[in-house]
Amino acid sequence: MSDDDSEPTGSEQADIDETRGFSNLEGTDLGGEESSQGLFDDLLSGEPIFENKEVLRPSYTPHELPHRSDQINKMATILVAALRGETPSNILIYGKTGTGKTASAKFVSKELESTSQKYSVPCDVEYINCEVTDTQYRVLAQLANKFIEKNKARIDDRIEELEALLDAVDEHGAATSSDTTAGSTRNDTDAPSVSSTTDEPAANATGEPTSTHPLESTPFTDRSEIDARIEHLEEDKDSFEEVPMTGWPTDRVYSVFFDAVDYDERVVVIMLDEIDKLVEKSGDDTLYNLSRMNSELKNSRVSIIGISNDLKFTDFLDPRVKSSLGEEEIVFPPYDANQLRDILEHRSEVAFKESALSDDVIPLCAAFAAQEHGDARRALDLLRTAGELAERSQTETIVEEHVRQAQDKIELDRVVEVVRTLPTQSKLVLFAIILLEKNGVHSINTGEVFNIYKRLCEEIDADVLTQRRVTDLISELDMLGIVNAVVVSKGRYGRTKEISLSVPLEETEAVLLSDSRLSSIDDVQPFVQARFEN
């Protein structure tokens, strides 16, 4: 064996590993039998608890929704008009988070689309989450692009049908020509001759006689008309221009959306989830335009389903929009503990392996969620997280302790998410409170927070709000449960607001510092010390 093919020695192998970025782990034989146990092997060796975890996620639409039959039936009685080719009334759906609004609306919409296909009634349902798509431009652009995509797909289907018709015409012509040629070669005793101008039966591709021409039951009289129709459809397809996510004037976006919707004869149901977020961010212009479309459309009819957690958001709408949008209203009440238990039992049958749950897990999840205003989403999150924690600890059964651990974890995750999505000014106010608590200040008052807040604004070059506005921001943080702000009486010195954190300090500070603007504050300690020296 040549030197090039020789095996490296132990020391040489270590050097090679080092240059490749591997450390020579003591007591580990990277080439031995034991090394076959990789990083994830131990985790995979345990028996999985979940059968189908996806059924415990909020995005999953179940085949059955317990305790929501009244609301579902009411929606169905309104939307059935679409299957008759009529315009359904607009619907506003209200209810707190986790009361089954979105799941029920999606369930009914899915049933509507499948039934429309069954009866060959063109009906399209489009879902928009306005918490993500929260401006008029984005809503119209997303809807326009969805309908452009649908139109292109339908054009492709029609072209395919027409090309199949062309093939049938060609086959019929070939069969007729063959039959005529055969007849002309026969003598008078074989069969009568067939004139090329007569409509005698011809033979199809299988050799069986057929009496009808492929174009007989179509609006076309000859092959050239089919070719012209295919060319026209291809021109239509090329004329559709997708809307970019930014850059166009809003009226141009609306025009493209309008043309895309009205291209085909159909009933369109537009579902706007978290509709109050759209109104809060962009006003009611989008709703005004959508609710007035039917007076201008020639082929299509549009119906709107609005879903909101805020029962009062219509108070801020233009009266014309309010009357048009709220033609029908459906309220979803919170679930009680027994109803939540039914929902969890229904989902757990599909979600978990047999005997994966101890008897007290579902009642405890339902009880915790019932305290949170009957939130089914919270109950499902608790059950899923408890299962994940049990799986990580490689136990075969989910028990009460896993649910309690999941409750703590979800609460922390909620705090992290709320803090992460705060506006910059609110983050600065919260950061000021954290700095004061870290430096041992108790019973923090608004003036102390304002002084530190001003210095933080100077450090990151942010606008400084008035003390009154900072006080409002502290009240908002109090409503979110991030701080605790209590008004206390100081006797003849008046009243003041004493502020304290209601969330874990270190985790909250880490979330704040993950913001690119706040991370530029290298060392804020001197500012706090300077505040006390003054």
Protein backbone atom coordinates (compact mmCIF):
# COMPACT_ATOMS: atom_id res chain seq x y z
CA MET A 1 0.00 0.00 0.00
CA SER A 2 1.45 3.42 -0.92
CA ASP A 3 2.09 6.23 1.54
CA ASP A 4 -0.86 8.12 0.11
CA ASP A 5 -3.22 5.27 0.98
CA SER A 6 -1.87 4.59 4.47
CA GLU A 7 -4.10 5.11 7.48
CA PRO A 8 -3.18 8.14 9.69
CA THR A 9 -1.82 7.48 13.17
CA GLY A 10 -3.76 8.50 16.27
CA SER A 11 -1.88 11.80 16.68
CA GLU A 12 -2.17 12.53 12.97
CA GLN A 13 -5.91 11.86 13.10
CA ALA A 14 -6.27 14.30 16.02
CA ASP A 15 -4.47 16.96 14.02
CA ILE A 16 -6.73 16.32 11.03
CA ASP A 17 -9.84 16.55 13.22
CA GLU A 18 -8.58 19.78 14.76
CA THR A 19 -8.05 21.38 11.36
CA ARG A 20 -11.53 20.34 10.29
CA GLY A 21 -13.08 22.08 13.30
CA PHE A 22 -13.67 18.99 15.50
CA SER A 23 -12.40 18.85 19.05
CA ASN A 24 -10.84 15.57 20.19
CA LEU A 25 -13.36 14.65 22.89
CA GLU A 26 -11.79 12.75 25.75
CA GLY A 27 -13.13 9.26 26.24
CA THR A 28 -15.01 9.27 22.93
CA ASP A 29 -14.11 7.00 20.08
CA LEU A 30 -15.48 8.83 17.05
CA GLY A 31 -14.96 5.81 14.84
CA GLY A 32 -16.08 3.13 17.28
CA GLU A 33 -19.34 1.33 17.83
CA GLU A 34 -20.48 3.69 20.60
CA SER A 35 -20.22 6.72 18.32
CA SER A 36 -23.23 5.50 16.33
CA GLN A 37 -25.41 6.98 19.12
CA GLY A 38 -25.87 10.53 17.76
CA LEU A 39 -27.18 13.73 19.30
CA PHE A 40 -30.87 12.97 18.59
CA ASP A 41 -30.76 9.20 19.02
CA ASP A 42 -31.47 9.32 22.77
CA LEU A 43 -34.36 11.69 22.18
CA LEU A 44 -35.82 9.43 19.50
CA SER A 45 -35.38 6.27 21.52
CA GLY A 46 -38.31 7.09 23.81
CA GLU A 47 -41.85 6.13 22.88
CA PRO A 48 -43.69 9.17 21.39
CA ILE A 49 -46.73 10.42 23.27
CA PHE A 50 -48.34 12.23 20.33
CA GLU A 51 -50.22 10.55 17.53
CA ASN A 52 -51.00 13.83 15.72
CA LYS A 53 -49.87 16.99 17.47
CA GLU A 54 -51.31 19.30 14.78
CA VAL A 55 -54.88 18.82 16.03
CA LEU A 56 -53.92 20.73 19.19
CA ARG A 57 -52.80 23.82 17.28
CA PRO A 58 -55.09 26.85 16.75
CA SER A 59 -54.55 26.66 12.97
CA TYR A 60 -56.21 23.21 12.81
CA THR A 61 -59.84 23.18 11.65
CA PRO A 62 -61.59 20.12 13.15
CA HIS A 63 -64.30 18.13 11.41
CA GLU A 64 -66.60 18.77 14.36
CA LEU A 65 -66.85 21.78 16.69
CA PRO A 66 -68.51 20.92 20.02
CA HIS A 67 -70.86 23.53 21.52
CA ARG A 68 -70.83 25.77 18.44
CA SER A 69 -73.65 24.19 16.41
CA ASP A 70 -75.99 27.19 16.90
CA GLN A 71 -73.45 29.67 15.55
CA ILE A 72 -72.41 27.36 12.70
CA ASN A 73 -76.03 26.77 11.66
CA LYS A 74 -76.73 30.51 11.67
CA MET A 75 -73.71 31.14 9.44
CA ALA A 76 -74.79 28.35 7.09
CA THR A 77 -78.35 29.74 6.74
CA ILE A 78 -76.89 33.11 5.73
CA LEU A 79 -74.24 31.78 3.32
CA VAL A 80 -76.50 29.24 1.59
CA ALA A 81 -77.60 32.12 -0.65
CA ALA A 82 -74.21 31.81 -2.40
CA LEU A 83 -75.15 28.30 -3.57
CA ARG A 84 -78.24 29.77 -5.23
CA GLY A 85 -76.08 32.30 -7.05
CA GLU A 86 -77.29 35.13 -4.80
CA THR A 87 -75.25 37.56 -2.69
CA PRO A 88 -75.15 36.48 0.98
CA SER A 89 -75.56 39.13 3.67
CA ASN A 90 -72.38 40.47 5.26
CA ILE A 91 -71.64 38.94 8.67
CA LEU A 92 -69.89 40.33 11.74
CA ILE A 93 -68.69 37.71 14.23
CA TYR A 94 -67.84 38.79 17.79
CA GLY A 95 -66.33 37.00 20.76
CA LYS A 96 -63.32 36.87 23.07
CA THR A 97 -60.10 35.14 22.06
CA GLY A 98 -60.38 31.35 21.92
CA THR A 99 -64.17 31.14 21.65
CA GLY A 100 -64.11 29.29 18.31
CA LYS A 101 -64.89 32.21 15.97
CA THR A 102 -62.19 31.59 13.36
CA ALA A 103 -62.42 27.79 13.54
CA SER A 104 -66.20 27.91 13.04
CA ALA A 105 -65.99 30.39 10.16
CA LYS A 106 -63.29 28.32 8.42
CA PHE A 107 -65.32 25.14 8.96
CA VAL A 108 -68.42 26.69 7.36
CA SER A 109 -66.33 28.15 4.51
CA LYS A 110 -64.76 24.79 3.75
CA GLU A 111 -68.22 23.19 3.66
CA LEU A 112 -69.46 26.01 1.40
CA GLU A 113 -66.64 25.51 -1.12
CA SER A 114 -67.01 21.72 -1.22
CA THR A 115 -70.80 21.99 -1.68
CA SER A 116 -70.36 24.58 -4.44
CA GLN A 117 -68.14 22.13 -6.33
CA LYS A 118 -70.69 19.38 -5.80
CA TYR A 119 -73.43 21.46 -7.43
CA SER A 120 -71.09 23.19 -9.93
CA VAL A 121 -71.87 26.64 -8.50
CA PRO A 122 -68.78 28.90 -8.70
CA CYS A 123 -67.98 30.13 -5.17
CA ASP A 124 -64.63 31.29 -3.77
CA VAL A 125 -63.73 31.95 -0.11
CA GLU A 126 -60.61 33.94 0.74
CA TYR A 127 -59.20 34.32 4.28
CA ILE A 128 -57.14 37.34 5.38
CA ASN A 129 -55.61 37.73 8.87
CA CYS A 130 -55.71 41.50 9.44
CA GLU A 131 -53.34 41.28 12.40
CA VAL A 132 -50.63 40.47 9.83
CA THR A 133 -52.11 42.13 6.74
CA ASP A 134 -53.13 45.36 8.44
CA THR A 135 -53.21 48.08 5.74
CA GLN A 136 -55.61 48.77 2.88
CA TYR A 137 -52.80 48.32 0.33
CA ARG A 138 -51.74 44.93 1.71
CA VAL A 139 -55.28 43.61 2.00
CA LEU A 140 -56.18 44.61 -1.56
CA ALA A 141 -52.83 43.41 -2.95
CA GLN A 142 -53.12 40.02 -1.25
CA LEU A 143 -56.71 39.56 -2.42
CA ALA A 144 -55.87 40.70 -5.97
CA ASN A 145 -52.98 38.24 -6.24
CA LYS A 146 -55.10 35.37 -4.89
CA PHE A 147 -57.83 35.97 -7.47
CA ILE A 148 -55.27 36.43 -10.26
CA GLU A 149 -53.83 33.04 -9.32
CA LYS A 150 -57.33 31.48 -9.35
CA ASN A 151 -58.14 33.09 -12.70
CA LYS A 152 -54.94 31.79 -14.27
CA ALA A 153 -55.66 28.28 -12.98
CA ARG A 154 -59.19 28.40 -14.43
CA ILE A 155 -57.89 29.69 -17.76
CA ASP A 156 -55.41 26.79 -17.87
CA ASP A 157 -58.27 24.35 -17.21
CA ARG A 158 -60.38 25.89 -20.00
CA ILE A 159 -57.49 25.81 -22.46
CA GLU A 160 -56.92 22.16 -21.58
CA GLU A 161 -60.61 21.41 -22.21
CA LEU A 162 -60.54 23.24 -25.55
CA GLU A 163 -57.39 21.43 -26.64
CA ALA A 164 -59.10 18.13 -25.79
CA LEU A 165 -62.05 19.28 -27.91
CA LEU A 166 -59.68 20.05 -30.79
CA ASP A 167 -58.26 16.53 -30.48
CA ALA A 168 -61.80 15.11 -30.59
CA VAL A 169 -62.57 17.16 -33.73
CA ASP A 170 -59.39 15.92 -35.40
CA GLU A 171 -60.16 12.31 -34.45
CA HIS A 172 -63.71 12.67 -35.74
CA GLY A 173 -62.44 14.16 -38.99
CA ALA A 174 -59.88 11.40 -39.40
CA ALA A 175 -62.51 8.73 -38.71
CA THR A 176 -64.96 10.33 -41.19
CA SER A 177 -62.25 10.57 -43.85
CA SER A 178 -61.28 6.93 -43.29
CA ASP A 179 -64.88 5.81 -43.52
CA THR A 180 -65.44 7.81 -46.74
CA THR A 181 -62.29 6.38 -48.34
CA ALA A 182 -63.31 2.85 -47.42
CA GLY A 183 -66.76 3.41 -48.94
CA SER A 184 -65.35 4.68 -52.22
CA THR A 185 -63.32 1.50 -52.74
CA ARG A 186 -66.29 -0.81 -52.28
CA ASN A 187 -68.42 -2.09 -55.16
CA ASP A 188 -72.14 -1.47 -55.26
CA THR A 189 -72.94 -4.79 -53.64
CA ASP A 190 -70.79 -4.08 -50.55
CA ALA A 191 -72.50 -0.88 -49.37
CA PRO A 192 -73.90 2.38 -50.67
CA SER A 193 -71.34 5.13 -51.29
CA VAL A 194 -71.11 7.93 -48.61
CA SER A 195 -71.00 11.49 -49.75
CA SER A 196 -68.56 13.77 -47.95
CA THR A 197 -71.37 16.23 -47.35
CA THR A 198 -73.73 13.85 -45.55
CA ASP A 199 -73.94 13.43 -41.76
CA GLU A 200 -73.73 9.65 -41.77
CA PRO A 201 -72.31 7.93 -38.66
CA ALA A 202 -68.50 7.95 -38.50
CA ALA A 203 -66.13 5.81 -36.44
CA ASN A 204 -64.45 7.06 -33.26
CA ALA A 205 -60.97 6.13 -31.96
CA THR A 206 -62.17 2.72 -30.75
CA GLY A 207 -63.71 1.84 -34.11
CA GLU A 208 -67.27 2.10 -32.78
CA PRO A 209 -69.72 4.19 -34.78
CA THR A 210 -70.63 7.61 -33.42
CA SER A 211 -73.54 9.67 -34.65
CA THR A 212 -72.67 13.12 -33.23
CA HIS A 213 -70.00 15.61 -34.13
CA PRO A 214 -67.83 16.79 -31.15
CA LEU A 215 -68.94 20.41 -31.74
CA GLU A 216 -72.66 19.60 -31.83
CA SER A 217 -73.35 20.54 -28.19
CA THR A 218 -70.81 23.41 -28.04
CA PRO A 219 -71.03 27.08 -29.04
CA PHE A 220 -68.37 26.48 -31.72
CA THR A 221 -69.15 25.78 -35.39
CA ASP A 222 -65.66 24.90 -36.61
CA ARG A 223 -62.06 24.37 -35.53
CA SER A 224 -60.95 27.94 -36.20
CA GLU A 225 -63.35 29.30 -33.56
CA ILE A 226 -61.79 27.03 -30.94
CA ASP A 227 -58.30 28.22 -31.92
CA ALA A 228 -59.46 31.82 -31.63
CA ARG A 229 -60.94 31.16 -28.18
CA ILE A 230 -57.69 29.56 -26.95
CA GLU A 231 -55.71 32.54 -28.25
CA HIS A 232 -58.10 34.94 -26.49
CA LEU A 233 -57.75 33.04 -23.19
CA GLU A 234 -53.96 33.10 -23.43
CA GLU A 235 -54.10 36.87 -23.98
CA ASP A 236 -56.31 37.19 -20.87
CA LYS A 237 -53.82 35.15 -18.86
CA ASP A 238 -50.88 37.29 -20.01
CA SER A 239 -52.81 40.49 -19.19
CA PHE A 240 -52.98 39.69 -15.44
CA GLU A 241 -50.29 41.60 -13.58
CA GLU A 242 -49.55 40.59 -10.02
CA VAL A 243 -49.52 43.41 -7.47
CA PRO A 244 -46.22 44.05 -5.65
CA MET A 245 -46.38 44.34 -1.87
CA THR A 246 -45.37 48.02 -2.10
CA GLY A 247 -44.99 50.74 -4.69
CA TRP A 248 -48.32 51.12 -6.49
CA PRO A 249 -50.95 53.82 -5.89
CA THR A 250 -53.82 52.37 -3.87
CA ASP A 251 -56.40 53.16 -6.55
CA ARG A 252 -54.39 51.11 -9.08
CA VAL A 253 -54.26 48.17 -6.64
CA TYR A 254 -58.03 48.40 -6.14
CA SER A 255 -58.58 48.50 -9.91
CA VAL A 256 -56.50 45.34 -10.44
CA PHE A 257 -58.32 43.61 -7.56
CA PHE A 258 -61.71 44.67 -8.96
CA ASP A 259 -60.90 43.35 -12.46
CA ALA A 260 -59.53 40.08 -11.05
CA VAL A 261 -62.69 39.45 -8.98
CA ASP A 262 -65.04 40.37 -11.82
CA TYR A 263 -63.26 38.25 -14.46
CA ASP A 264 -65.53 35.26 -13.81
CA GLU A 265 -69.13 34.80 -12.78
CA ARG A 266 -69.00 33.67 -9.15
CA VAL A 267 -69.90 34.49 -5.54
CA VAL A 268 -66.92 35.63 -3.48
CA VAL A 269 -66.79 35.46 0.33
CA ILE A 270 -63.95 37.49 1.87
CA MET A 271 -63.18 36.55 5.47
CA LEU A 272 -61.36 39.29 7.42
CA ASP A 273 -60.07 37.91 10.72
CA GLU A 274 -59.08 40.43 13.44
CA ILE A 275 -60.93 43.06 11.39
CA ASP A 276 -60.65 45.57 14.24
CA LYS A 277 -56.84 45.61 13.76
CA LEU A 278 -57.34 46.73 10.15
CA VAL A 279 -59.71 49.52 11.20
CA GLU A 280 -57.37 50.57 14.02
CA LYS A 281 -54.36 50.77 11.68
CA SER A 282 -55.89 52.00 8.41
CA GLY A 283 -59.37 53.33 9.16
CA ASP A 284 -62.50 52.05 7.43
CA ASP A 285 -61.59 52.87 3.81
CA THR A 286 -60.97 49.20 2.96
CA LEU A 287 -64.31 48.13 4.41
CA TYR A 288 -66.08 50.98 2.62
CA ASN A 289 -64.61 49.95 -0.76
CA LEU A 290 -65.33 46.24 -0.26
CA SER A 291 -68.88 46.79 0.99
CA ARG A 292 -69.71 49.00 -2.04
CA MET A 293 -68.23 46.71 -4.71
CA ASN A 294 -71.45 44.91 -5.60
CA SER A 295 -72.99 48.05 -7.10
CA GLU A 296 -70.18 48.11 -9.70
CA LEU A 297 -69.50 44.42 -10.35
CA LYS A 298 -71.00 42.86 -13.50
CA ASN A 299 -70.16 39.17 -13.14
CA SER A 300 -69.32 38.54 -9.47
CA ARG A 301 -70.94 39.22 -6.12
CA VAL A 302 -68.96 39.86 -2.93
CA SER A 303 -69.88 39.09 0.68
CA ILE A 304 -67.76 39.96 3.74
CA ILE A 305 -67.32 38.04 6.99
CA GLY A 306 -65.63 40.16 9.66
CA ILE A 307 -64.25 38.50 12.81
CA SER A 308 -63.36 40.60 15.87
CA ASN A 309 -62.43 40.24 19.54
CA ASP A 310 -63.62 43.81 20.15
CA LEU A 311 -67.37 44.19 20.49
CA LYS A 312 -67.13 47.99 20.27
CA PHE A 313 -64.95 48.46 17.21
CA THR A 314 -67.96 49.31 15.01
CA ASP A 315 -68.49 52.43 17.13
CA PHE A 316 -65.63 54.04 15.20
CA LEU A 317 -66.90 53.10 11.73
CA ASP A 318 -68.58 55.39 9.23
CA PRO A 319 -72.36 54.89 9.68
CA ARG A 320 -72.70 53.78 6.03
CA VAL A 321 -69.98 51.14 6.48
CA LYS A 322 -71.45 50.04 9.81
CA SER A 323 -74.92 49.48 8.37
CA SER A 324 -73.59 47.66 5.30
CA LEU A 325 -71.05 45.52 7.13
CA GLY A 326 -73.20 44.53 10.08
CA GLU A 327 -76.19 43.14 8.17
CA GLU A 328 -75.97 40.00 10.31
CA GLU A 329 -74.22 39.67 13.68
CA ILE A 330 -73.22 36.46 15.47
CA VAL A 331 -71.87 36.45 19.04
CA PHE A 332 -69.64 33.64 20.35
CA PRO A 333 -69.89 33.37 24.17
CA PRO A 334 -66.90 32.07 26.22
CA TYR A 335 -66.69 28.34 26.94
CA ASP A 336 -67.24 27.10 30.49
CA ALA A 337 -65.03 24.43 32.11
CA ASN A 338 -67.30 21.53 31.08
CA GLN A 339 -67.41 22.67 27.46
CA LEU A 340 -63.63 23.06 27.40
CA ARG A 341 -63.32 19.53 28.78
CA ASP A 342 -65.47 18.22 25.92
CA ILE A 343 -63.30 20.05 23.36
CA LEU A 344 -60.07 18.70 24.86
CA GLU A 345 -61.40 15.14 25.05
CA HIS A 346 -62.55 15.37 21.44
CA ARG A 347 -59.12 16.52 20.24
CA SER A 348 -57.08 14.28 22.56
CA GLU A 349 -58.58 11.15 21.02
CA VAL A 350 -56.76 12.03 17.79
CA ALA A 351 -53.77 13.86 19.25
CA PHE A 352 -52.34 11.30 21.70
CA LYS A 353 -51.43 7.66 21.84
CA GLU A 354 -53.76 5.47 23.85
CA SER A 355 -53.36 5.80 27.66
CA ALA A 356 -50.99 8.78 27.28
CA LEU A 357 -53.12 11.00 29.57
CA SER A 358 -53.75 10.55 33.26
CA ASP A 359 -57.35 11.17 34.36
CA ASP A 360 -56.71 14.57 35.98
CA VAL A 361 -54.91 16.23 33.02
CA ILE A 362 -57.87 17.32 30.88
CA PRO A 363 -60.00 18.61 33.84
CA LEU A 364 -57.00 20.64 35.07
CA CYS A 365 -56.32 22.13 31.61
CA ALA A 366 -60.01 23.01 31.29
CA ALA A 367 -60.07 24.60 34.76
CA PHE A 368 -56.99 26.74 34.06
CA ALA A 369 -58.40 27.90 30.70
CA ALA A 370 -61.86 28.60 32.16
CA GLN A 371 -60.18 31.09 34.50
CA GLU A 372 -58.80 32.81 31.36
CA HIS A 373 -62.30 33.81 30.13
CA GLY A 374 -63.12 30.41 28.63
CA ASP A 375 -60.28 30.43 26.11
CA ALA A 376 -60.20 27.14 24.16
CA ARG A 377 -56.94 28.18 22.49
CA ARG A 378 -55.32 28.48 25.91
CA ALA A 379 -56.67 25.04 26.90
CA LEU A 380 -55.26 23.44 23.74
CA ASP A 381 -51.89 25.18 24.23
CA LEU A 382 -51.75 23.89 27.80
CA LEU A 383 -52.49 20.32 26.76
CA ARG A 384 -50.00 20.41 23.88
CA THR A 385 -47.24 22.00 25.98
CA ALA A 386 -47.83 19.51 28.80
CA GLY A 387 -47.43 16.70 26.25
CA GLU A 388 -44.21 18.22 24.93
CA LEU A 389 -42.78 18.54 28.44
CA ALA A 390 -43.70 14.93 29.21
CA GLU A 391 -42.11 13.78 25.95
CA ARG A 392 -38.90 15.69 26.69
CA SER A 393 -38.67 14.06 30.09
CA GLN A 394 -39.21 10.71 28.32
CA THR A 395 -42.18 9.69 30.42
CA GLU A 396 -44.97 7.64 28.92
CA THR A 397 -47.85 9.43 30.63
CA ILE A 398 -48.80 13.11 30.97
CA VAL A 399 -49.61 13.92 34.59
CA GLU A 400 -50.84 16.93 36.60
CA GLU A 401 -47.30 18.20 37.23
CA HIS A 402 -46.69 18.52 33.49
CA VAL A 403 -49.81 20.71 33.20
CA ARG A 404 -48.61 23.00 36.01
CA GLN A 405 -45.19 23.29 34.38
CA ALA A 406 -46.89 24.09 31.07
CA GLN A 407 -48.95 26.82 32.76
CA ASP A 408 -45.78 28.51 34.03
CA LYS A 409 -44.05 28.17 30.66
CA ILE A 410 -46.97 29.59 28.66
CA GLU A 411 -47.30 32.51 31.05
CA LEU A 412 -43.61 33.36 30.56
CA ASP A 413 -43.92 32.95 26.79
CA ARG A 414 -46.92 35.28 26.82
CA VAL A 415 -44.97 37.94 28.69
CA VAL A 416 -42.06 37.61 26.27
CA GLU A 417 -44.35 37.98 23.25
CA VAL A 418 -46.21 40.98 24.71
CA VAL A 419 -42.97 42.76 25.63
CA ARG A 420 -41.38 41.97 22.26
CA THR A 421 -44.27 43.57 20.34
CA LEU A 422 -44.47 46.76 22.45
CA PRO A 423 -43.85 50.09 20.67
CA THR A 424 -40.38 51.59 21.21
CA GLN A 425 -41.64 54.32 23.56
CA SER A 426 -43.39 51.75 25.79
CA LYS A 427 -40.20 49.66 25.81
CA LEU A 428 -38.20 52.68 26.98
CA VAL A 429 -40.66 53.34 29.82
CA LEU A 430 -40.52 49.66 30.84
CA PHE A 431 -36.72 49.70 30.62
CA ALA A 432 -36.62 52.72 32.95
CA ILE A 433 -38.75 50.82 35.53
CA ILE A 434 -36.44 47.79 35.25
CA LEU A 435 -33.34 49.94 35.82
CA LEU A 436 -34.87 51.49 38.92
CA GLU A 437 -35.82 48.07 40.37
CA LYS A 438 -32.37 46.68 39.57
CA ASN A 439 -30.85 49.51 41.60
CA GLY A 440 -32.96 48.78 44.64
CA VAL A 441 -35.58 51.48 44.23
CA HIS A 442 -38.92 50.43 45.77
CA SER A 443 -42.29 52.14 45.44
CA ILE A 444 -41.20 53.75 42.16
CA ASN A 445 -43.14 56.86 41.23
CA THR A 446 -43.93 58.36 37.84
CA GLY A 447 -41.44 61.23 38.21
CA GLU A 448 -38.55 58.81 38.78
CA VAL A 449 -39.55 56.76 35.74
CA PHE A 450 -39.81 59.91 33.62
CA ASN A 451 -36.32 61.11 34.56
CA ILE A 452 -34.68 57.80 33.59
CA TYR A 453 -36.88 57.57 30.48
CA LYS A 454 -35.65 60.98 29.27
CA ARG A 455 -32.00 59.90 29.55
CA LEU A 456 -32.70 56.67 27.67
CA CYS A 457 -34.36 58.67 24.88
CA GLU A 458 -31.29 60.88 24.63
CA GLU A 459 -29.03 57.83 24.44
CA ILE A 460 -30.83 56.28 21.43
CA ASP A 461 -31.87 59.62 19.89
CA ALA A 462 -35.62 59.01 20.34
CA ASP A 463 -38.31 61.67 20.74
CA VAL A 464 -39.08 62.51 24.37
CA LEU A 465 -42.78 62.33 25.23
CA THR A 466 -44.43 64.50 27.87
CA GLN A 467 -44.71 63.22 31.44
CA ARG A 468 -48.48 63.01 31.00
CA ARG A 469 -48.04 60.70 27.99
CA VAL A 470 -45.49 58.58 29.89
CA THR A 471 -48.08 58.23 32.67
CA ASP A 472 -50.56 56.95 30.06
CA LEU A 473 -47.98 54.43 28.80
CA ILE A 474 -47.47 53.19 32.37
CA SER A 475 -51.26 52.68 32.64
CA GLU A 476 -51.20 50.69 29.38
CA LEU A 477 -48.38 48.48 30.75
CA ASP A 478 -50.50 48.01 33.86
CA MET A 479 -53.49 46.87 31.77
CA LEU A 480 -51.24 44.38 29.95
CA GLY A 481 -50.18 42.95 33.31
CA ILE A 482 -46.51 43.83 32.80
CA VAL A 483 -46.34 46.33 35.67
CA ASN A 484 -48.47 46.96 38.71
CA ALA A 485 -49.37 50.65 39.11
CA VAL A 486 -51.35 51.55 42.24
CA VAL A 487 -52.48 55.05 43.23
CA VAL A 488 -51.67 55.65 46.91
CA SER A 489 -52.45 58.59 49.16
CA LYS A 490 -49.58 60.57 50.70
CA GLY A 491 -51.83 62.56 53.01
CA ARG A 492 -51.26 66.29 52.71
CA TYR A 493 -48.68 65.63 49.95
CA GLY A 494 -51.45 64.39 47.66
CA ARG A 495 -51.65 61.13 45.77
CA THR A 496 -49.03 59.36 43.69
CA LYS A 497 -48.78 56.26 41.55
CA GLU A 498 -46.47 53.55 42.90
CA ILE A 499 -45.10 51.25 40.22
CA SER A 500 -43.56 47.77 40.39
CA LEU A 501 -42.79 45.02 37.88
CA SER A 502 -45.28 42.15 37.57
CA VAL A 503 -43.06 40.02 35.30
CA PRO A 504 -39.65 38.32 35.69
CA LEU A 505 -37.00 41.06 35.60
CA GLU A 506 -34.12 39.25 33.87
CA GLU A 507 -36.21 37.65 31.12
CA THR A 508 -38.01 40.95 30.41
CA GLU A 509 -34.72 42.87 30.26
CA ALA A 510 -33.30 40.30 27.82
CA VAL A 511 -36.31 40.71 25.52
CA LEU A 512 -35.97 44.51 25.61
CA LEU A 513 -32.25 44.37 24.81
CA SER A 514 -32.97 42.11 21.83
CA ASP A 515 -34.57 45.18 20.18
CA SER A 516 -31.99 46.63 17.79
CA ARG A 517 -32.69 50.21 18.95
CA LEU A 518 -32.38 49.48 22.66
CA SER A 519 -29.35 47.23 22.21
CA SER A 520 -27.34 50.34 21.29
CA ILE A 521 -27.43 51.33 24.98
CA ASP A 522 -24.04 49.92 25.96
CA ASP A 523 -23.99 50.73 29.67
CA VAL A 524 -26.99 52.38 31.25
CA GLN A 525 -25.79 52.01 34.83
CA PRO A 526 -24.13 55.51 35.01
CA PHE A 527 -27.41 57.14 34.01
CA VAL A 528 -29.23 55.56 36.91
CA GLN A 529 -26.47 56.55 39.34
CA ALA A 530 -26.47 60.08 37.94
CA ARG A 531 -30.23 60.22 38.56
CA PHE A 532 -29.73 59.54 42.29
CA GLU A 533 -26.78 61.86 42.63
CA ASN A 534 -28.97 64.65 41.36
